[in-house]
Protein backbone atom coordinates (compact mmCIF):
# COMPACT_ATOMS: atom_id res chain seq x y z
CA MET A 1 110.27 93.74 136.97
CA GLU A 2 113.20 93.42 134.71
CA SER A 3 113.99 89.66 132.64
CA PRO A 4 116.92 88.90 133.62
CA ASP A 5 118.36 88.73 130.00
CA GLU A 6 119.70 91.63 129.28
CA SER A 7 117.02 92.56 126.76
CA GLY A 8 116.73 95.17 129.12
CA ARG A 9 112.44 94.98 128.85
CA LEU A 10 109.58 95.76 131.99
CA PHE A 11 107.38 92.91 132.32
CA VAL A 12 104.60 93.49 134.19
CA ILE A 13 101.53 91.27 135.78
CA ASP A 14 98.20 93.01 134.82
CA GLN A 15 95.89 91.32 137.62
CA VAL A 16 92.79 90.09 134.56
CA GLY A 17 95.57 87.21 134.00
CA LYS A 18 97.88 89.15 131.51
CA ILE A 19 101.44 89.82 131.60
CA TRP A 20 103.22 92.94 129.18
CA VAL A 21 106.58 94.26 128.58
CA LEU A 22 107.53 97.12 128.18
CA ASP A 23 110.30 98.04 125.81
CA ASP A 24 113.44 99.98 126.92
CA ALA A 25 111.12 103.73 125.87
CA GLY A 26 108.26 102.21 128.49
CA ASN A 27 105.72 101.78 125.66
CA LYS A 28 103.36 98.78 125.79
CA GLU A 29 103.82 95.89 123.76
CA THR A 30 100.38 95.37 121.88
CA THR A 31 100.35 92.12 122.29
CA PRO A 32 100.61 90.36 125.74
CA PHE A 33 103.28 88.34 127.00
CA LEU A 34 101.13 85.49 128.06
CA ASP A 35 97.10 85.88 128.56
CA ILE A 36 95.94 82.93 130.77
CA THR A 37 92.32 84.90 131.59
CA ASP A 38 90.74 81.91 130.68
CA LYS A 39 92.70 79.89 133.00
CA MET A 40 91.75 82.28 135.63
CA THR A 41 88.35 82.20 138.40
CA PRO A 42 86.12 84.65 137.34
CA LEU A 43 87.26 88.45 138.58
CA ASN A 44 85.00 90.86 139.79
CA PRO A 45 86.13 94.20 138.24
CA ASN A 46 84.78 96.62 141.45
CA TYR A 47 87.17 94.64 143.99
CA ASP A 48 88.92 91.61 144.29
CA GLU A 49 92.17 90.51 145.83
CA ARG A 50 92.55 87.04 143.42
CA GLY A 51 93.80 87.12 139.67
CA LEU A 52 97.28 86.80 137.79
CA LEU A 53 99.22 88.32 141.11
CA GLY A 54 102.73 87.02 141.15
CA LEU A 55 106.08 86.70 138.49
CA ALA A 56 109.76 85.36 138.60
CA PHE A 57 111.91 84.25 136.04
CA HIS A 58 114.31 81.26 136.39
CA PRO A 59 118.39 82.77 137.35
CA GLY A 60 118.91 81.13 133.71
CA TYR A 61 116.61 82.39 132.17
CA GLN A 62 118.63 84.04 129.62
CA ASN A 63 119.54 80.07 128.92
CA ASN A 64 116.43 77.40 129.42
CA GLY A 65 113.31 79.86 128.83
CA ARG A 66 111.82 79.59 131.94
CA PHE A 67 109.61 81.47 134.56
CA PHE A 68 106.97 80.62 136.61
CA VAL A 69 103.44 82.61 137.87
CA TYR A 70 101.00 82.53 140.36
CA TYR A 71 97.45 82.93 139.88
CA THR A 72 93.76 82.24 140.98
CA ALA A 73 91.63 78.96 139.46
CA PRO A 74 88.69 77.70 140.10
CA PRO A 75 88.31 75.90 142.77
CA ASN A 76 87.95 72.07 143.22
CA ALA A 77 84.79 69.79 143.93
CA GLY A 78 83.82 70.24 147.95
CA GLY A 79 85.40 72.20 150.80
CA PRO A 80 86.89 72.82 153.95
CA GLU A 81 83.92 71.48 155.63
CA GLU A 82 80.42 70.12 155.12
CA GLY A 83 77.75 72.73 153.40
CA GLU A 84 81.43 75.32 152.88
CA THR A 85 82.85 75.05 149.04
CA TRP A 86 86.56 75.94 147.76
CA ASN A 87 87.03 79.72 146.40
CA ASN A 88 89.96 79.00 144.37
CA ILE A 89 93.02 77.40 144.15
CA SER A 90 96.55 79.35 144.86
CA ARG A 91 98.01 77.81 141.22
CA ILE A 92 102.29 77.83 140.81
CA SER A 93 102.81 76.87 137.00
CA GLU A 94 105.66 77.17 134.64
CA PHE A 95 105.66 78.20 131.64
CA ALA A 96 108.80 78.87 129.07
CA VAL A 97 109.19 81.83 126.34
CA SER A 98 108.20 80.87 122.58
CA ALA A 99 110.75 79.73 121.09
CA ASN A 100 110.09 81.40 118.10
CA ASN A 101 109.39 84.56 119.73
CA PRO A 102 110.66 85.62 122.39
CA ALA A 103 108.96 88.46 123.04
CA LEU A 104 106.07 86.23 124.10
CA ALA A 105 105.39 83.03 126.13
CA ASP A 106 104.31 79.66 124.94
CA ALA A 107 100.96 79.56 126.11
CA GLY A 108 100.77 75.77 125.90
CA SER A 109 103.52 74.93 127.72
CA GLU A 110 102.26 75.01 131.49
CA LYS A 111 103.60 72.82 133.91
CA ILE A 112 101.36 73.16 137.51
CA ILE A 113 104.81 73.45 140.13
CA LEU A 114 101.91 73.29 143.53
CA GLU A 115 98.14 74.10 144.55
CA VAL A 116 96.55 75.25 147.12
CA ASP A 117 93.06 75.41 147.96
CA GLN A 118 91.92 78.59 149.84
CA PRO A 119 88.09 78.86 151.86
CA GLN A 120 87.86 82.25 151.54
CA GLY A 121 88.31 85.26 148.26
CA ASN A 122 90.42 87.39 149.57
CA HIS A 123 94.35 87.09 151.82
CA GLU A 124 96.26 85.33 148.51
CA GLY A 125 99.20 86.61 149.30
CA GLY A 126 100.64 86.18 145.74
CA THR A 127 103.93 87.08 145.93
CA ILE A 128 106.99 84.71 144.12
CA ALA A 129 110.52 85.20 143.80
CA PHE A 130 113.89 83.48 143.56
CA GLY A 131 116.26 84.00 146.57
CA PRO A 132 119.88 84.22 146.65
CA ASP A 133 120.31 80.99 147.19
CA GLY A 134 118.09 79.49 143.75
CA TYR A 135 115.10 78.60 145.89
CA LEU A 136 111.72 79.96 144.40
CA TYR A 137 110.36 81.71 147.18
CA ILE A 138 106.09 81.59 147.28
CA SER A 139 104.09 84.05 149.85
CA ILE A 140 100.56 82.79 150.52
CA GLY A 141 97.71 84.41 153.05
CA ASP A 142 95.50 82.75 155.57
CA GLY A 143 92.73 81.57 153.50
CA GLY A 144 90.86 85.02 153.77
CA ALA A 145 87.32 85.99 156.06
CA ALA A 146 88.93 88.11 158.12
CA ASN A 147 91.00 87.35 161.97
CA ASP A 148 91.54 83.85 160.82
CA VAL A 149 88.59 82.90 162.02
CA ALA A 150 86.18 81.17 159.32
CA ALA A 151 85.22 77.84 157.40
CA GLY A 152 89.23 76.23 156.44
CA HIS A 153 90.89 78.07 159.20
CA VAL A 154 92.11 75.10 161.52
CA GLU A 155 92.51 75.24 165.48
CA ASP A 156 95.71 76.01 166.40
CA TRP A 157 97.98 75.68 169.86
CA TYR A 158 96.76 79.22 171.30
CA ASP A 159 93.50 78.44 172.57
CA VAL A 160 92.95 82.50 173.56
CA ASN A 161 91.73 82.86 169.43
CA ALA A 162 89.48 80.73 167.84
CA GLY A 163 90.82 79.75 164.30
CA GLY A 164 94.20 79.74 163.45
CA ASN A 165 95.80 79.13 159.98
CA GLY A 166 98.83 81.66 160.86
CA GLN A 167 100.25 79.46 163.62
CA ASP A 168 99.09 76.09 162.23
CA ILE A 169 101.96 74.19 160.16
CA GLU A 170 100.95 71.20 160.10
CA SER A 171 96.85 71.33 158.88
CA ASN A 172 97.79 73.41 155.05
CA LEU A 173 100.46 76.07 153.73
CA LEU A 174 98.01 79.03 154.26
CA GLY A 175 99.44 81.78 156.56
CA ASP A 176 103.10 81.02 155.41
CA ILE A 177 105.68 81.16 153.19
CA LEU A 178 107.70 78.67 151.42
CA ARG A 179 110.25 77.48 149.70
CA ILE A 180 111.26 75.53 147.03
CA ASP A 181 113.53 73.62 144.60
CA VAL A 182 112.00 74.00 140.60
CA ASN A 183 115.29 72.63 139.62
CA GLY A 184 114.36 69.64 141.92
CA SER A 185 112.45 66.15 141.16
CA PRO A 186 108.94 67.46 139.75
CA PRO A 187 107.31 68.81 139.91
CA TYR A 188 109.56 70.19 143.20
CA ALA A 189 112.30 69.03 145.92
CA ILE A 190 112.42 70.47 148.82
CA PRO A 191 115.80 72.57 149.88
CA SER A 192 117.72 69.97 152.25
CA ASP A 193 117.88 72.61 154.89
CA ASN A 194 114.45 74.35 155.00
CA PRO A 195 113.71 74.29 158.79
CA PHE A 196 110.74 72.17 159.65
CA ILE A 197 112.04 68.87 157.45
CA ASP A 198 112.40 65.81 160.14
CA HIS A 199 110.44 68.21 162.39
CA PRO A 200 106.58 69.07 162.80
CA GLY A 201 105.80 71.39 160.34
CA LEU A 202 105.56 70.68 156.38
CA ASP A 203 108.42 71.13 154.94
CA GLU A 204 107.49 73.21 152.10
CA ILE A 205 107.88 76.25 155.12
CA TYR A 206 110.19 79.16 155.02
CA ALA A 207 108.71 80.94 157.69
CA TYR A 208 104.86 81.50 159.38
CA GLY A 209 102.86 83.26 161.75
CA PHE A 210 101.45 86.11 158.43
CA ARG A 211 97.50 87.29 157.80
CA ASN A 212 98.42 88.21 153.92
CA PRO A 213 102.09 88.74 152.61
CA PHE A 214 100.49 90.39 149.88
CA ARG A 215 104.45 91.72 148.49
CA PHE A 216 107.64 90.77 149.82
CA SER A 217 111.58 91.05 148.18
CA PHE A 218 114.93 89.80 148.61
CA ASP A 219 117.68 93.55 149.12
CA MET A 220 119.63 93.10 145.86
CA GLY A 221 122.62 94.25 147.67
CA GLY A 222 124.34 93.87 151.68
CA SER A 223 123.22 90.53 152.58
CA ASN A 224 120.36 90.28 151.00
CA VAL A 225 117.15 89.60 154.03
CA LEU A 226 113.75 88.69 152.96
CA LEU A 227 111.47 92.05 153.59
CA ALA A 228 107.51 91.10 153.67
CA GLY A 229 104.43 93.41 154.37
CA ASP A 230 101.51 91.57 155.98
CA ALA A 231 98.13 93.35 155.89
CA GLY A 232 96.72 94.11 158.55
CA GLN A 233 93.18 93.59 160.52
CA ASN A 234 91.81 96.44 161.83
CA LEU A 235 94.81 98.15 163.67
CA PHE A 236 98.15 97.71 162.13
CA GLU A 237 100.22 97.08 159.35
CA GLU A 238 103.78 95.53 159.44
CA ILE A 239 106.75 94.94 157.22
CA ASN A 240 108.62 92.14 158.46
CA LEU A 241 112.23 91.11 158.45
CA VAL A 242 111.62 87.24 157.21
CA GLU A 243 114.49 84.56 159.17
CA LYS A 244 114.46 80.49 157.82
CA GLY A 245 111.97 78.78 160.71
CA GLY A 246 110.31 82.29 162.34
CA ASN A 247 106.74 82.62 163.33
CA TYR A 248 105.88 85.57 162.58
CA GLY A 249 102.55 86.28 165.28
CA TRP A 250 99.22 85.99 163.54
CA ASN A 251 97.10 85.49 165.18
CA VAL A 252 98.28 85.67 168.28
CA LYS A 253 99.46 89.30 167.34
CA GLU A 254 98.95 91.97 165.26
CA GLY A 255 101.90 94.40 164.95
CA THR A 256 103.04 94.19 168.25
CA VAL A 257 100.15 93.93 170.08
CA CYS A 258 98.52 91.05 171.22
CA PHE A 259 95.43 90.65 168.93
CA ASP A 260 91.81 89.84 170.03
CA ALA A 261 89.90 87.79 167.59
CA SER A 262 86.54 88.04 169.64
CA ASN A 263 86.62 91.76 168.87
CA ASN A 264 89.57 93.25 166.49
CA GLU A 265 89.74 96.44 167.74
CA ASN A 266 90.25 95.35 171.29
CA ILE A 267 94.41 94.49 172.45
CA LEU A 268 94.73 91.94 175.21
CA GLU A 269 96.86 92.24 177.87
CA GLN A 270 98.98 89.90 177.29
CA CYS A 271 99.87 87.03 174.59
CA PRO A 272 102.90 84.25 174.81
CA GLU A 273 106.57 85.00 173.92
CA GLU A 274 106.81 82.39 171.63
CA ASP A 275 104.76 79.26 169.98
CA VAL A 276 104.71 75.71 171.44
CA TYR A 277 107.32 74.29 169.78
CA GLY A 278 109.16 76.47 171.16
CA ASN A 279 109.63 79.48 168.41
CA GLU A 280 109.63 83.51 169.44
CA LEU A 281 107.01 85.23 168.16
CA MET A 282 108.50 87.55 165.37
CA ASP A 283 108.22 91.72 166.13
CA PRO A 284 107.83 93.10 162.57
CA VAL A 285 110.92 95.83 162.26
CA ILE A 286 108.23 98.21 160.29
CA VAL A 287 104.78 99.48 162.77
CA MET A 288 102.15 101.90 160.58
CA ASN A 289 98.31 102.91 162.23
CA ASN A 290 95.59 101.08 160.04
CA PHE A 291 92.94 103.25 158.71
CA SER A 292 90.41 101.89 160.78
CA ASN A 293 92.78 102.34 164.08
CA PRO A 294 90.56 104.30 166.85
CA ALA A 295 93.78 105.33 167.72
CA GLY A 296 93.62 107.17 164.40
CA GLY A 297 95.57 105.61 161.36
CA ASN A 298 96.00 106.62 157.17
CA THR A 299 96.49 103.82 155.75
CA ILE A 300 93.94 100.74 154.80
CA THR A 301 96.64 98.30 153.31
CA ILE A 302 100.49 98.17 153.61
CA ILE A 303 102.07 96.90 150.50
CA GLY A 304 105.88 95.52 150.73
CA GLY A 305 108.34 97.28 148.57
CA TYR A 306 112.35 96.99 147.73
CA VAL A 307 115.57 98.31 149.68
CA TYR A 308 117.09 100.49 146.41
CA ARG A 309 119.96 100.06 145.28
CA GLY A 310 119.98 102.05 142.20
CA THR A 311 121.89 105.02 141.11
CA ASP A 312 119.72 107.64 140.26
CA ILE A 313 118.05 108.93 143.09
CA PRO A 314 121.60 108.62 145.79
CA GLU A 315 119.75 109.89 148.66
CA LEU A 316 117.76 107.17 148.68
CA ALA A 317 121.05 104.29 148.64
CA GLY A 318 119.55 102.20 151.64
CA LYS A 319 116.23 103.13 152.35
CA TYR A 320 113.83 100.90 151.97
CA ILE A 321 110.63 101.96 149.67
CA PHE A 322 107.21 100.32 150.63
CA GLY A 323 103.91 101.61 149.75
CA SER A 324 100.09 102.82 151.36
CA PHE A 325 97.66 101.45 148.59
CA SER A 326 95.87 104.13 149.77
CA GLN A 327 95.07 106.27 152.84
CA ASP A 328 91.48 105.92 152.58
CA PHE A 329 88.71 104.62 149.64
CA GLU A 330 89.57 106.92 147.57
CA PRO A 331 92.51 106.97 145.24
CA LYS A 332 95.20 107.65 147.61
CA GLY A 333 97.87 105.68 148.03
CA GLN A 334 101.36 106.84 149.42
CA LEU A 335 105.40 106.15 150.10
CA PHE A 336 107.44 105.97 152.31
CA GLN A 337 111.09 105.62 152.94
CA ALA A 338 113.08 103.36 155.56
CA ILE A 339 116.31 103.71 157.68
CA PRO A 340 117.29 99.89 158.62
CA ALA A 341 118.13 99.61 161.79
CA ALA A 342 119.77 96.24 163.49
CA GLY A 343 117.81 95.08 166.62
CA ALA A 344 115.46 98.32 166.83
CA MET A 345 112.14 99.06 165.09
CA TRP A 346 113.25 100.74 161.68
CA SER A 347 111.88 104.55 161.11
CA PHE A 348 110.02 105.97 158.26
CA ASN A 349 108.53 108.89 156.80
CA ASP A 350 106.86 110.55 153.59
CA LEU A 351 108.29 109.48 150.65
CA GLU A 352 106.65 112.77 148.67
CA PRO A 353 107.45 112.82 144.76
CA LYS A 354 106.98 116.37 143.21
CA SER A 355 104.34 115.16 140.33
CA TYR A 356 102.17 115.02 143.45
CA SER A 357 100.79 116.71 145.99
CA GLY A 358 100.15 115.00 149.47
CA ASN A 359 99.96 111.38 148.00
CA LEU A 360 99.62 109.51 144.34
CA GLY A 361 96.28 110.06 143.07
CA HIS A 362 96.16 106.49 142.98
CA TYR A 363 95.55 103.07 144.50
CA VAL A 364 99.05 101.58 145.01
CA LYS A 365 98.80 97.96 143.93
CA GLY A 366 102.80 97.50 144.16
CA LEU A 367 106.16 98.19 143.63
CA GLY A 368 109.14 96.97 141.46
CA GLN A 369 112.46 96.79 140.74
CA ASP A 370 114.69 96.51 137.60
CA LEU A 371 118.32 94.84 137.72
CA ASN A 372 120.31 98.20 138.44
CA GLY A 373 118.01 98.68 141.82
CA GLU A 374 115.47 101.57 139.79
CA ILE A 375 112.26 101.17 141.67
CA TYR A 376 108.63 101.40 139.97
CA VAL A 377 105.18 101.75 140.97
CA ALA A 378 101.97 99.87 139.30
CA ALA A 379 98.93 102.39 139.96
CA SER A 380 95.64 103.05 139.35
CA THR A 381 92.46 105.25 140.01
CA ASN A 382 90.09 102.14 139.15
CA ILE A 383 90.52 99.70 143.06
CA GLY A 384 89.26 97.05 141.17
CA PRO A 385 90.78 94.91 138.20
CA SER A 386 89.19 96.75 135.76
CA GLY A 387 89.75 99.49 133.12
CA ASN A 388 92.57 101.18 131.77
CA THR A 389 93.42 103.22 134.38
CA GLY A 390 97.08 101.27 135.17
CA LYS A 391 99.93 102.80 135.07
CA ILE A 392 103.67 102.53 135.47
CA LEU A 393 105.22 105.19 137.34
CA LYS A 394 109.36 104.83 138.15
CA LEU A 395 111.38 106.77 141.07
CA ALA A 396 113.88 108.95 139.31
CA LEU A 397 114.92 112.98 140.30
CA VAL A 398 113.34 115.85 139.24
CA GLU A 399 115.66 118.72 137.81
CA GLU A 400 115.13 122.24 139.32
């Protein structure tokens, strides 16, 4: 992402715990902007969903130097139930840029804003971003394991499926997108129009019913809609158009079908259309078949992206660009373009860069957008947080 200080620098989060700066020529600075590796839970180099996962610059960064990160810290003592231990802490912290060097953060300036105990090591969510309203939005997964069923996955209102952090809004903040005011009383305040103030539900929650909302973004244009990718279980991957107070179905539904927690390759014939609070279970705007779907599919995990608002590629204007981590367990990530459609499922097709054939030859780890609306892809040939194969690719026209 590009910092809002008019410097033109791009900031790249590295899962292992570092934030790198790229100059306007794409060269990486030799010293990381921030290094928090010593604050994080140790990572598995072969594959891990933990680590440094999110970065957001305060809208007033140019004047106040404030920025925020999402990372996984070592666990608290105890556990979600007797005999079980916590896996890690999802931590949102504020840092400040160095007073003497704008190329470096002040590593000692950390202020912990919010923490959530995580029962398992997957489904961390991890995106943080300031919305057009100036509030900080945070995505957190359902706690991990599979099917929203394991230690630390509380009972919810839907008795057909066990577990239910996705559908629970009263016991914890897992399986949700949160919205907080970091300009309010420390460590944060609750926006006065958050949907569950004076209603059942934790006040921080903005929307719920997610499995692992790994990447979300706000459209820079139009009505600034919030779009979130949600990684599926075995059958379907989805992109959701997120509205305040919305329930996006997990684990009652996966995609547009009724989910069976006892057999995640089975589709139940029926399930509720609304939850116990009277909120409709909202369907996604994009659905893709998962690699494990018996009917066939070619994506392991969907990667939420951005609406293109740049000028370099006019034919992409207004289209939603998103990705697939890979077609299978080899580095075969893909990009897609979708056409937003009001009140209907969005159509989409492959976006095949001419520099590659069929796929990117890398795992797609995430997408980014600069202040001009141009889109970038974070990619690596390593599936886990190890090695030095990571690249930042930029979507651009190729001259014939």
